[in-house]
Amino acid sequence: MEQEIIIQATFVDKNTGKPLVGPTFWVEVFHKTGFQSSLINTEELGEEGQVAIVSNLETLQRLRPNIYFVLHRNDQVIFKSKLFKKADFLQGKRVSIYPFTRDFGPFEV
């Protein structure tokens, strides 16, 4: 059985500190190798401005990808996160809980 990881982030309004919510907001998570970017997954923001994207832990831990988040409002990109280089999804820990969660946020937009 493949072990999953949940990649989490929260997006908040930088002026008010309140979560970005509504069906118009959605996030793409990419991993970048050289000049190429590959989509890991896409998800709408939840009620608290959060996104939780499920992926394969073993693959991501082996690749140690450079990942970044792209936030859209409707069809317009409104935020692109910094590049998290060689993301260590386990952060030096052994997996004891299933599924494992790694939080990369919050991001102020």
PDB file of N, CA and C in Angstrom:
ATOM      1  N   MET A   1       0.837  -1.184   0.000  1.00  0.00           N
ATOM      2  CA  MET A   1       0.000   0.000   0.000  1.00  0.00           C
ATOM      3  C   MET A   1       0.884   1.252   0.000  1.00  0.00           C
ATOM      4  N   GLU A   2       0.584   2.165  -0.882  1.00  0.00           N
ATOM      5  CA  GLU A   2       1.356   3.402  -0.976  1.00  0.00           C
ATOM      6  C   GLU A   2       1.005   4.321   0.177  1.00  0.00           C
ATOM      7  N   GLN A   3       2.021   4.953   0.732  1.00  0.00           N
ATOM      8  CA  GLN A   3       1.799   5.889   1.817  1.00  0.00           C
ATOM      9  C   GLN A   3       1.575   7.284   1.229  1.00  0.00           C
ATOM     10  N   GLU A   4       0.594   7.966   1.774  1.00  0.00           N
ATOM     11  CA  GLU A   4       0.237   9.279   1.253  1.00  0.00           C
ATOM     12  C   GLU A   4       0.755  10.379   2.161  1.00  0.00           C
ATOM     13  N   ILE A   5       0.929  11.550   1.560  1.00  0.00           N
ATOM     14  CA  ILE A   5       1.239  12.749   2.323  1.00  0.00           C
ATOM     15  C   ILE A   5       0.214  13.804   1.948  1.00  0.00           C
ATOM     16  N   ILE A   6      -0.152  14.596   2.931  1.00  0.00           N
ATOM     17  CA  ILE A   6      -1.058  15.714   2.678  1.00  0.00           C
ATOM     18  C   ILE A   6      -0.216  16.982   2.740  1.00  0.00           C
ATOM     19  N   ILE A   7      -0.151  17.686   1.626  1.00  0.00           N
ATOM     20  CA  ILE A   7       0.586  18.950   1.529  1.00  0.00           C
ATOM     21  C   ILE A   7      -0.408  20.060   1.835  1.00  0.00           C
ATOM     22  N   GLN A   8      -0.165  20.773   2.926  1.00  0.00           N
ATOM     23  CA  GLN A   8      -1.108  21.793   3.373  1.00  0.00           C
ATOM     24  C   GLN A   8      -0.523  23.192   3.265  1.00  0.00           C
ATOM     25  N   ALA A   9      -1.418  24.151   3.084  1.00  0.00           N
ATOM     26  CA  ALA A   9      -1.055  25.569   3.137  1.00  0.00           C
ATOM     27  C   ALA A   9      -2.334  26.354   3.401  1.00  0.00           C
ATOM     28  N   THR A  10      -2.169  27.523   3.986  1.00  0.00           N
ATOM     29  CA  THR A  10      -3.290  28.421   4.234  1.00  0.00           C
ATOM     30  C   THR A  10      -2.967  29.760   3.584  1.00  0.00           C
ATOM     31  N   PHE A  11      -3.981  30.377   2.996  1.00  0.00           N
ATOM     32  CA  PHE A  11      -3.820  31.656   2.312  1.00  0.00           C
ATOM     33  C   PHE A  11      -4.701  32.686   2.993  1.00  0.00           C
ATOM     34  N   VAL A  12      -4.079  33.805   3.423  1.00  0.00           N
ATOM     35  CA  VAL A  12      -4.816  34.856   4.125  1.00  0.00           C
ATOM     36  C   VAL A  12      -4.593  36.202   3.443  1.00  0.00           C
ATOM     37  N   ASP A  13      -5.558  37.089   3.634  1.00  0.00           N
ATOM     38  CA  ASP A  13      -5.463  38.451   3.113  1.00  0.00           C
ATOM     39  C   ASP A  13      -4.417  39.204   3.937  1.00  0.00           C
ATOM     40  N   LYS A  14      -3.395  39.743   3.290  1.00  0.00           N
ATOM     41  CA  LYS A  14      -2.310  40.416   4.014  1.00  0.00           C
ATOM     42  C   LYS A  14      -2.770  41.695   4.701  1.00  0.00           C
ATOM     43  N   ASN A  15      -3.870  42.288   4.267  1.00  0.00           N
ATOM     44  CA  ASN A  15      -4.366  43.518   4.879  1.00  0.00           C
ATOM     45  C   ASN A  15      -5.250  43.262   6.096  1.00  0.00           C
ATOM     46  N   THR A  16      -6.033  42.191   6.057  1.00  0.00           N
ATOM     47  CA  THR A  16      -6.983  41.932   7.140  1.00  0.00           C
ATOM     48  C   THR A  16      -6.589  40.746   8.013  1.00  0.00           C
ATOM     49  N   GLY A  17      -5.739  39.858   7.480  1.00  0.00           N
ATOM     50  CA  GLY A  17      -5.376  38.647   8.213  1.00  0.00           C
ATOM     51  C   GLY A  17      -6.438  37.565   8.147  1.00  0.00           C
ATOM     52  N   LYS A  18      -7.523  37.838   7.433  1.00  0.00           N
ATOM     53  CA  LYS A  18      -8.612  36.861   7.328  1.00  0.00           C
ATOM     54  C   LYS A  18      -8.321  35.884   6.193  1.00  0.00           C
ATOM     55  N   PRO A  19      -8.813  34.641   6.326  1.00  0.00           N
ATOM     56  CA  PRO A  19      -8.588  33.636   5.279  1.00  0.00           C
ATOM     57  C   PRO A  19      -9.269  34.028   3.969  1.00  0.00           C
ATOM     58  N   LEU A  20      -8.623  33.686   2.872  1.00  0.00           N
ATOM     59  CA  LEU A  20      -9.243  33.848   1.558  1.00  0.00           C
ATOM     60  C   LEU A  20     -10.197  32.680   1.370  1.00  0.00           C
ATOM     61  N   VAL A  21     -11.437  32.970   1.063  1.00  0.00           N
ATOM     62  CA  VAL A  21     -12.439  31.918   0.920  1.00  0.00           C
ATOM     63  C   VAL A  21     -13.296  32.170  -0.309  1.00  0.00           C
ATOM     64  N   GLY A  22     -13.984  31.137  -0.719  1.00  0.00           N
ATOM     65  CA  GLY A  22     -14.912  31.259  -1.833  1.00  0.00           C
ATOM     66  C   GLY A  22     -14.498  30.390  -2.995  1.00  0.00           C
ATOM     67  N   PRO A  23     -15.467  30.086  -3.832  1.00  0.00           N
ATOM     68  CA  PRO A  23     -15.213  29.175  -4.947  1.00  0.00           C
ATOM     69  C   PRO A  23     -14.335  29.773  -6.045  1.00  0.00           C
ATOM     70  N   THR A  24     -14.027  31.066  -5.947  1.00  0.00           N
ATOM     71  CA  THR A  24     -13.207  31.681  -6.991  1.00  0.00           C
ATOM     72  C   THR A  24     -11.716  31.432  -6.766  1.00  0.00           C
ATOM     73  N   PHE A  25     -11.320  30.974  -5.561  1.00  0.00           N
ATOM     74  CA  PHE A  25      -9.905  30.744  -5.250  1.00  0.00           C
ATOM     75  C   PHE A  25      -9.549  29.273  -5.404  1.00  0.00           C
ATOM     76  N   TRP A  26      -8.452  29.010  -6.107  1.00  0.00           N
ATOM     77  CA  TRP A  26      -7.949  27.641  -6.229  1.00  0.00           C
ATOM     78  C   TRP A  26      -6.430  27.669  -6.355  1.00  0.00           C
ATOM     79  N   VAL A  27      -5.812  26.560  -5.972  1.00  0.00           N
ATOM     80  CA  VAL A  27      -4.356  26.481  -5.858  1.00  0.00           C
ATOM     81  C   VAL A  27      -3.825  25.318  -6.686  1.00  0.00           C
ATOM     82  N   GLU A  28      -2.686  25.569  -7.316  1.00  0.00           N
ATOM     83  CA  GLU A  28      -1.932  24.505  -7.971  1.00  0.00           C
ATOM     84  C   GLU A  28      -0.622  24.336  -7.210  1.00  0.00           C
ATOM     85  N   VAL A  29      -0.201  23.104  -7.012  1.00  0.00           N
ATOM     86  CA  VAL A  29       1.101  22.820  -6.412  1.00  0.00           C
ATOM     87  C   VAL A  29       1.949  22.145  -7.480  1.00  0.00           C
ATOM     88  N   PHE A  30       3.140  22.712  -7.697  1.00  0.00           N
ATOM     89  CA  PHE A  30       4.051  22.207  -8.725  1.00  0.00           C
ATOM     90  C   PHE A  30       5.353  21.737  -8.098  1.00  0.00           C
ATOM     91  N   HIS A  31       6.033  20.834  -8.800  1.00  0.00           N
ATOM     92  CA  HIS A  31       7.432  20.586  -8.473  1.00  0.00           C
ATOM     93  C   HIS A  31       8.240  20.953  -9.698  1.00  0.00           C
ATOM     94  N   LYS A  32       9.396  21.568  -9.443  1.00  0.00           N
ATOM     95  CA  LYS A  32      10.211  22.136 -10.514  1.00  0.00           C
ATOM     96  C   LYS A  32      11.553  21.411 -10.588  1.00  0.00           C
ATOM     97  N   THR A  33      11.908  21.031 -11.799  1.00  0.00           N
ATOM     98  CA  THR A  33      13.203  20.418 -12.065  1.00  0.00           C
ATOM     99  C   THR A  33      13.826  21.179 -13.219  1.00  0.00           C
ATOM    100  N   GLY A  34      14.942  21.857 -12.974  1.00  0.00           N
ATOM    101  CA  GLY A  34      15.558  22.662 -14.026  1.00  0.00           C
ATOM    102  C   GLY A  34      14.590  23.749 -14.459  1.00  0.00           C
ATOM    103  N   PHE A  35      14.297  23.756 -15.763  1.00  0.00           N
ATOM    104  CA  PHE A  35      13.358  24.746 -16.298  1.00  0.00           C
ATOM    105  C   PHE A  35      11.941  24.195 -16.418  1.00  0.00           C
ATOM    106  N   GLN A  36      11.743  22.927 -16.065  1.00  0.00           N
ATOM    107  CA  GLN A  36      10.444  22.281 -16.204  1.00  0.00           C
ATOM    108  C   GLN A  36       9.680  22.280 -14.884  1.00  0.00           C
ATOM    109  N   SER A  37       8.385  22.556 -14.954  1.00  0.00           N
ATOM    110  CA  SER A  37       7.506  22.453 -13.795  1.00  0.00           C
ATOM    111  C   SER A  37       6.443  21.406 -14.085  1.00  0.00           C
ATOM    112  N   SER A  38       6.188  20.551 -13.096  1.00  0.00           N
ATOM    113  CA  SER A  38       5.160  19.520 -13.236  1.00  0.00           C
ATOM    114  C   SER A  38       4.127  19.695 -12.139  1.00  0.00           C
ATOM    115  N   LEU A  39       2.886  19.607 -12.532  1.00  0.00           N
ATOM    116  CA  LEU A  39       1.784  19.775 -11.600  1.00  0.00           C
ATOM    117  C   LEU A  39       1.676  18.555 -10.691  1.00  0.00           C
ATOM    118  N   ILE A  40       1.646  18.788  -9.375  1.00  0.00           N
ATOM    119  CA  ILE A  40       1.390  17.711  -8.418  1.00  0.00           C
ATOM    120  C   ILE A  40      -0.115  17.519  -8.290  1.00  0.00           C
ATOM    121  N   ASN A  41      -0.844  18.628  -8.077  1.00  0.00           N
ATOM    122  CA  ASN A  41      -2.292  18.548  -7.969  1.00  0.00           C
ATOM    123  C   ASN A  41      -2.897  19.953  -7.895  1.00  0.00           C
ATOM    124  N   THR A  42      -4.222  20.017  -8.010  1.00  0.00           N
ATOM    125  CA  THR A  42      -4.989  21.257  -7.957  1.00  0.00           C
ATOM    126  C   THR A  42      -6.120  21.091  -6.963  1.00  0.00           C
ATOM    127  N   GLU A  43      -6.408  22.159  -6.205  1.00  0.00           N
ATOM    128  CA  GLU A  43      -7.458  22.071  -5.189  1.00  0.00           C
ATOM    129  C   GLU A  43      -8.051  23.460  -4.947  1.00  0.00           C
ATOM    130  N   GLU A  44      -9.362  23.521  -4.656  1.00  0.00           N
ATOM    131  CA  GLU A  44      -9.998  24.773  -4.251  1.00  0.00           C
ATOM    132  C   GLU A  44      -9.673  25.051  -2.792  1.00  0.00           C
ATOM    133  N   LEU A  45      -9.667  26.335  -2.411  1.00  0.00           N
ATOM    134  CA  LEU A  45      -9.454  26.688  -1.014  1.00  0.00           C
ATOM    135  C   LEU A  45     -10.677  26.302  -0.185  1.00  0.00           C
ATOM    136  N   GLY A  46     -10.421  25.844   1.044  1.00  0.00           N
ATOM    137  CA  GLY A  46     -11.490  25.468   1.952  1.00  0.00           C
ATOM    138  C   GLY A  46     -12.045  26.665   2.694  1.00  0.00           C
ATOM    139  N   GLU A  47     -12.913  26.395   3.668  1.00  0.00           N
ATOM    140  CA  GLU A  47     -13.615  27.445   4.409  1.00  0.00           C
ATOM    141  C   GLU A  47     -12.695  28.319   5.255  1.00  0.00           C
ATOM    142  N   GLU A  48     -11.527  27.833   5.592  1.00  0.00           N
ATOM    143  CA  GLU A  48     -10.568  28.605   6.392  1.00  0.00           C
ATOM    144  C   GLU A  48      -9.370  29.055   5.555  1.00  0.00           C
ATOM    145  N   GLY A  49      -9.539  29.079   4.222  1.00  0.00           N
ATOM    146  CA  GLY A  49      -8.465  29.512   3.339  1.00  0.00           C
ATOM    147  C   GLY A  49      -7.367  28.478   3.159  1.00  0.00           C
ATOM    148  N   GLN A  50      -7.671  27.229   3.501  1.00  0.00           N
ATOM    149  CA  GLN A  50      -6.661  26.192   3.444  1.00  0.00           C
ATOM    150  C   GLN A  50      -6.798  25.318   2.195  1.00  0.00           C
ATOM    151  N   VAL A  51      -5.696  24.694   1.871  1.00  0.00           N
ATOM    152  CA  VAL A  51      -5.672  23.710   0.806  1.00  0.00           C
ATOM    153  C   VAL A  51      -4.971  22.479   1.374  1.00  0.00           C
ATOM    154  N   ALA A  52      -5.446  21.310   1.002  1.00  0.00           N
ATOM    155  CA  ALA A  52      -4.840  20.053   1.436  1.00  0.00           C
ATOM    156  C   ALA A  52      -4.758  19.142   0.214  1.00  0.00           C
ATOM    157  N   ILE A  53      -3.550  18.953  -0.282  1.00  0.00           N
ATOM    158  CA  ILE A  53      -3.334  18.189  -1.501  1.00  0.00           C
ATOM    159  C   ILE A  53      -2.675  16.863  -1.146  1.00  0.00           C
ATOM    160  N   VAL A  54      -3.266  15.782  -1.610  1.00  0.00           N
ATOM    161  CA  VAL A  54      -2.773  14.444  -1.299  1.00  0.00           C
ATOM    162  C   VAL A  54      -1.847  13.989  -2.427  1.00  0.00           C
ATOM    163  N   SER A  55      -0.694  13.438  -2.030  1.00  0.00           N
ATOM    164  CA  SER A  55       0.250  12.907  -3.007  1.00  0.00           C
ATOM    165  C   SER A  55       0.940  11.686  -2.412  1.00  0.00           C
ATOM    166  N   ASN A  56       1.797  11.050  -3.197  1.00  0.00           N
ATOM    167  CA  ASN A  56       2.517   9.853  -2.783  1.00  0.00           C
ATOM    168  C   ASN A  56       3.768  10.229  -2.012  1.00  0.00           C
ATOM    169  N   LEU A  57       3.836   9.872  -0.740  1.00  0.00           N
ATOM    170  CA  LEU A  57       4.953  10.246   0.122  1.00  0.00           C
ATOM    171  C   LEU A  57       6.275   9.663  -0.362  1.00  0.00           C
ATOM    172  N   GLU A  58       6.286   8.397  -0.706  1.00  0.00           N
ATOM    173  CA  GLU A  58       7.537   7.751  -1.107  1.00  0.00           C
ATOM    174  C   GLU A  58       8.146   8.429  -2.327  1.00  0.00           C
ATOM    175  N   THR A  59       7.327   8.722  -3.312  1.00  0.00           N
ATOM    176  CA  THR A  59       7.815   9.384  -4.524  1.00  0.00           C
ATOM    177  C   THR A  59       8.361  10.766  -4.209  1.00  0.00           C
ATOM    178  N   LEU A  60       7.622  11.558  -3.443  1.00  0.00           N
ATOM    179  CA  LEU A  60       8.066  12.918  -3.145  1.00  0.00           C
ATOM    180  C   LEU A  60       9.313  12.915  -2.257  1.00  0.00           C
ATOM    181  N   GLN A  61       9.390  12.009  -1.295  1.00  0.00           N
ATOM    182  CA  GLN A  61      10.556  11.977  -0.421  1.00  0.00           C
ATOM    183  C   GLN A  61      11.797  11.564  -1.207  1.00  0.00           C
ATOM    184  N   ARG A  62      11.646  10.633  -2.146  1.00  0.00           N
ATOM    185  CA  ARG A  62      12.779  10.184  -2.968  1.00  0.00           C
ATOM    186  C   ARG A  62      13.245  11.302  -3.899  1.00  0.00           C
ATOM    187  N   LEU A  63      12.286  12.018  -4.494  1.00  0.00           N
ATOM    188  CA  LEU A  63      12.625  13.079  -5.440  1.00  0.00           C
ATOM    189  C   LEU A  63      13.175  14.320  -4.753  1.00  0.00           C
ATOM    190  N   ARG A  64      12.757  14.554  -3.486  1.00  0.00           N
ATOM    191  CA  ARG A  64      13.094  15.799  -2.769  1.00  0.00           C
ATOM    192  C   ARG A  64      12.888  16.984  -3.715  1.00  0.00           C
ATOM    193  N   PRO A  65      11.666  17.141  -4.210  1.00  0.00           N
ATOM    194  CA  PRO A  65      11.406  18.138  -5.248  1.00  0.00           C
ATOM    195  C   PRO A  65      11.486  19.570  -4.730  1.00  0.00           C
ATOM    196  N   ASN A  66      11.696  20.456  -5.661  1.00  0.00           N
ATOM    197  CA  ASN A  66      11.561  21.886  -5.421  1.00  0.00           C
ATOM    198  C   ASN A  66      10.089  22.186  -5.699  1.00  0.00           C
ATOM    199  N   ILE A  67       9.336  22.598  -4.683  1.00  0.00           N
ATOM    200  CA  ILE A  67       7.908  22.810  -4.910  1.00  0.00           C
ATOM    201  C   ILE A  67       7.526  24.268  -4.685  1.00  0.00           C
ATOM    202  N   TYR A  68       6.426  24.639  -5.317  1.00  0.00           N
ATOM    203  CA  TYR A  68       5.870  25.972  -5.119  1.00  0.00           C
ATOM    204  C   TYR A  68       4.357  25.934  -5.330  1.00  0.00           C
ATOM    205  N   PHE A  69       3.698  26.955  -4.795  1.00  0.00           N
ATOM    206  CA  PHE A  69       2.242  27.065  -4.838  1.00  0.00           C
ATOM    207  C   PHE A  69       1.861  28.243  -5.729  1.00  0.00           C
ATOM    208  N   VAL A  70       0.799  28.077  -6.510  1.00  0.00           N
ATOM    209  CA  VAL A  70       0.258  29.153  -7.342  1.00  0.00           C
ATOM    210  C   VAL A  70      -1.216  29.311  -6.985  1.00  0.00           C
ATOM    211  N   LEU A  71      -1.587  30.502  -6.514  1.00  0.00           N
ATOM    212  CA  LEU A  71      -2.968  30.793  -6.144  1.00  0.00           C
ATOM    213  C   LEU A  71      -3.644  31.558  -7.272  1.00  0.00           C
ATOM    214  N   HIS A  72      -4.841  31.106  -7.614  1.00  0.00           N
ATOM    215  CA  HIS A  72      -5.635  31.743  -8.671  1.00  0.00           C
ATOM    216  C   HIS A  72      -6.917  32.299  -8.075  1.00  0.00           C
ATOM    217  N   ARG A  73      -7.368  33.388  -8.655  1.00  0.00           N
ATOM    218  CA  ARG A  73      -8.733  33.876  -8.405  1.00  0.00           C
ATOM    219  C   ARG A  73      -9.391  33.889  -9.768  1.00  0.00           C
ATOM    220  N   ASN A  74     -10.398  33.063  -9.908  1.00  0.00           N
ATOM    221  CA  ASN A  74     -10.989  32.775 -11.213  1.00  0.00           C
ATOM    222  C   ASN A  74      -9.878  32.234 -12.106  1.00  0.00           C
ATOM    223  N   ASP A  75      -9.579  32.858 -13.206  1.00  0.00           N
ATOM    224  CA  ASP A  75      -8.528  32.359 -14.094  1.00  0.00           C
ATOM    225  C   ASP A  75      -7.260  33.194 -14.033  1.00  0.00           C
ATOM    226  N   GLN A  76      -7.134  34.052 -13.044  1.00  0.00           N
ATOM    227  CA  GLN A  76      -5.976  34.943 -12.940  1.00  0.00           C
ATOM    228  C   GLN A  76      -5.074  34.506 -11.786  1.00  0.00           C
ATOM    229  N   VAL A  77      -3.761  34.424 -12.067  1.00  0.00           N
ATOM    230  CA  VAL A  77      -2.790  34.138 -11.016  1.00  0.00           C
ATOM    231  C   VAL A  77      -2.642  35.377 -10.159  1.00  0.00           C
ATOM    232  N   ILE A  78      -2.840  35.228  -8.842  1.00  0.00           N
ATOM    233  CA  ILE A  78      -2.715  36.378  -7.949  1.00  0.00           C
ATOM    234  C   ILE A  78      -1.560  36.218  -6.959  1.00  0.00           C
ATOM    235  N   PHE A  79      -0.987  35.018  -6.889  1.00  0.00           N
ATOM    236  CA  PHE A  79       0.125  34.795  -5.963  1.00  0.00           C
ATOM    237  C   PHE A  79       0.907  33.567  -6.387  1.00  0.00           C
ATOM    238  N   LYS A  80       2.235  33.687  -6.290  1.00  0.00           N
ATOM    239  CA  LYS A  80       3.122  32.546  -6.517  1.00  0.00           C
ATOM    240  C   LYS A  80       4.099  32.515  -5.349  1.00  0.00           C
ATOM    241  N   SER A  81       4.152  31.397  -4.652  1.00  0.00           N
ATOM    242  CA  SER A  81       5.008  31.293  -3.465  1.00  0.00           C
ATOM    243  C   SER A  81       6.473  31.203  -3.864  1.00  0.00           C
ATOM    244  N   LYS A  82       7.311  31.343  -2.861  1.00  0.00           N
ATOM    245  CA  LYS A  82       8.730  31.091  -3.079  1.00  0.00           C
ATOM    246  C   LYS A  82       8.907  29.614  -3.399  1.00  0.00           C
ATOM    247  N   LEU A  83      10.046  29.280  -3.929  1.00  0.00           N
ATOM    248  CA  LEU A  83      10.375  27.900  -4.248  1.00  0.00           C
ATOM    249  C   LEU A  83      10.937  27.240  -2.994  1.00  0.00           C
ATOM    250  N   PHE A  84      10.311  26.173  -2.556  1.00  0.00           N
ATOM    251  CA  PHE A  84      10.824  25.400  -1.422  1.00  0.00           C
ATOM    252  C   PHE A  84      11.778  24.363  -1.998  1.00  0.00           C
ATOM    253  N   LYS A  85      13.076  24.635  -1.891  1.00  0.00           N
ATOM    254  CA  LYS A  85      14.085  23.789  -2.523  1.00  0.00           C
ATOM    255  C   LYS A  85      14.295  22.498  -1.753  1.00  0.00           C
ATOM    256  N   LYS A  86      14.342  21.415  -2.517  1.00  0.00           N
ATOM    257  CA  LYS A  86      14.570  20.073  -1.974  1.00  0.00           C
ATOM    258  C   LYS A  86      13.746  19.821  -0.725  1.00  0.00           C
ATOM    259  N   ALA A  87      12.443  19.999  -0.894  1.00  0.00           N
ATOM    260  CA  ALA A  87      11.521  19.873   0.235  1.00  0.00           C
ATOM    261  C   ALA A  87      11.642  18.504   0.894  1.00  0.00           C
ATOM    262  N   ASP A  88      11.912  18.514   2.176  1.00  0.00           N
ATOM    263  CA  ASP A  88      11.986  17.301   2.971  1.00  0.00           C
ATOM    264  C   ASP A  88      10.626  17.116   3.619  1.00  0.00           C
ATOM    265  N   PHE A  89       9.848  16.199   3.084  1.00  0.00           N
ATOM    266  CA  PHE A  89       8.489  16.042   3.562  1.00  0.00           C
ATOM    267  C   PHE A  89       8.417  15.388   4.931  1.00  0.00           C
ATOM    268  N   LEU A  90       9.438  14.668   5.309  1.00  0.00           N
ATOM    269  CA  LEU A  90       9.451  14.046   6.631  1.00  0.00           C
ATOM    270  C   LEU A  90      10.136  14.924   7.665  1.00  0.00           C
ATOM    271  N   GLN A  91      10.890  15.906   7.226  1.00  0.00           N
ATOM    272  CA  GLN A  91      11.600  16.832   8.106  1.00  0.00           C
ATOM    273  C   GLN A  91      12.435  16.071   9.142  1.00  0.00           C
ATOM    274  N   GLY A  92      13.087  14.993   8.678  1.00  0.00           N
ATOM    275  CA  GLY A  92      13.961  14.215   9.546  1.00  0.00           C
ATOM    276  C   GLY A  92      13.242  13.288  10.507  1.00  0.00           C
ATOM    277  N   LYS A  93      11.925  13.194  10.393  1.00  0.00           N
ATOM    278  CA  LYS A  93      11.150  12.358  11.311  1.00  0.00           C
ATOM    279  C   LYS A  93      10.777  11.043  10.635  1.00  0.00           C
ATOM    280  N   ARG A  94      10.556  10.043  11.439  1.00  0.00           N
ATOM    281  CA  ARG A  94      10.009   8.787  10.926  1.00  0.00           C
ATOM    282  C   ARG A  94       8.500   8.942  10.839  1.00  0.00           C
ATOM    283  N   VAL A  95       7.927   8.279   9.879  1.00  0.00           N
ATOM    284  CA  VAL A  95       6.476   8.353   9.738  1.00  0.00           C
ATOM    285  C   VAL A  95       5.845   7.432  10.762  1.00  0.00           C
ATOM    286  N   SER A  96       5.074   7.999  11.663  1.00  0.00           N
ATOM    287  CA  SER A  96       4.395   7.188  12.665  1.00  0.00           C
ATOM    288  C   SER A  96       2.884   7.335  12.574  1.00  0.00           C
ATOM    289  N   ILE A  97       2.446   8.387  11.910  1.00  0.00           N
ATOM    290  CA  ILE A  97       1.018   8.600  11.746  1.00  0.00           C
ATOM    291  C   ILE A  97       0.701   8.475  10.255  1.00  0.00           C
ATOM    292  N   TYR A  98      -0.460   8.000   9.963  1.00  0.00           N
ATOM    293  CA  TYR A  98      -0.845   7.863   8.564  1.00  0.00           C
ATOM    294  C   TYR A  98      -2.164   8.581   8.376  1.00  0.00           C
ATOM    295  N   PRO A  99      -2.347   9.404   7.394  1.00  0.00           N
ATOM    296  CA  PRO A  99      -1.310   9.907   6.483  1.00  0.00           C
ATOM    297  C   PRO A  99      -0.465  11.001   7.139  1.00  0.00           C
ATOM    298  N   PHE A 100       0.721  11.207   6.621  1.00  0.00           N
ATOM    299  CA  PHE A 100       1.631  12.225   7.124  1.00  0.00           C
ATOM    300  C   PHE A 100       1.243  13.571   6.518  1.00  0.00           C
ATOM    301  N   THR A 101       1.363  14.646   7.297  1.00  0.00           N
ATOM    302  CA  THR A 101       0.988  15.984   6.839  1.00  0.00           C
ATOM    303  C   THR A 101       2.177  16.919   6.940  1.00  0.00           C
ATOM    304  N   ARG A 102       2.369  17.743   5.898  1.00  0.00           N
ATOM    305  CA  ARG A 102       3.410  18.767   5.916  1.00  0.00           C
ATOM    306  C   ARG A 102       2.766  20.092   5.549  1.00  0.00           C
ATOM    307  N   ASP A 103       2.905  21.076   6.444  1.00  0.00           N
ATOM    308  CA  ASP A 103       2.284  22.382   6.243  1.00  0.00           C
ATOM    309  C   ASP A 103       3.327  23.376   5.764  1.00  0.00           C
ATOM    310  N   PHE A 104       3.090  24.010   4.619  1.00  0.00           N
ATOM    311  CA  PHE A 104       4.011  24.983   4.045  1.00  0.00           C
ATOM    312  C   PHE A 104       3.556  26.421   4.253  1.00  0.00           C
ATOM    313  N   GLY A 105       2.379  26.636   4.797  1.00  0.00           N
ATOM    314  CA  GLY A 105       1.868  27.997   4.936  1.00  0.00           C
ATOM    315  C   GLY A 105       2.053  28.530   6.320  1.00  0.00           C
ATOM    316  N   PRO A 106       1.427  29.630   6.672  1.00  0.00           N
ATOM    317  CA  PRO A 106       0.476  30.398   5.866  1.00  0.00           C
ATOM    318  C   PRO A 106       1.171  31.357   4.895  1.00  0.00           C
ATOM    319  N   PHE A 107       0.438  31.700   3.867  1.00  0.00           N
ATOM    320  CA  PHE A 107       0.908  32.675   2.889  1.00  0.00           C
ATOM    321  C   PHE A 107       0.014  33.907   2.962  1.00  0.00           C
ATOM    322  N   GLU A 108       0.633  35.086   3.043  1.00  0.00           N
ATOM    323  CA  GLU A 108      -0.132  36.331   3.031  1.00  0.00           C
ATOM    324  C   GLU A 108      -0.193  36.857   1.601  1.00  0.00           C
ATOM    325  N   VAL A 109      -1.402  37.082   1.126  1.00  0.00           N
ATOM    326  CA  VAL A 109      -1.618  37.484  -0.263  1.00  0.00           C
ATOM    327  C   VAL A 109      -2.229  38.864  -0.291  1.00  0.00           C
TER     328      VAL A 109
END
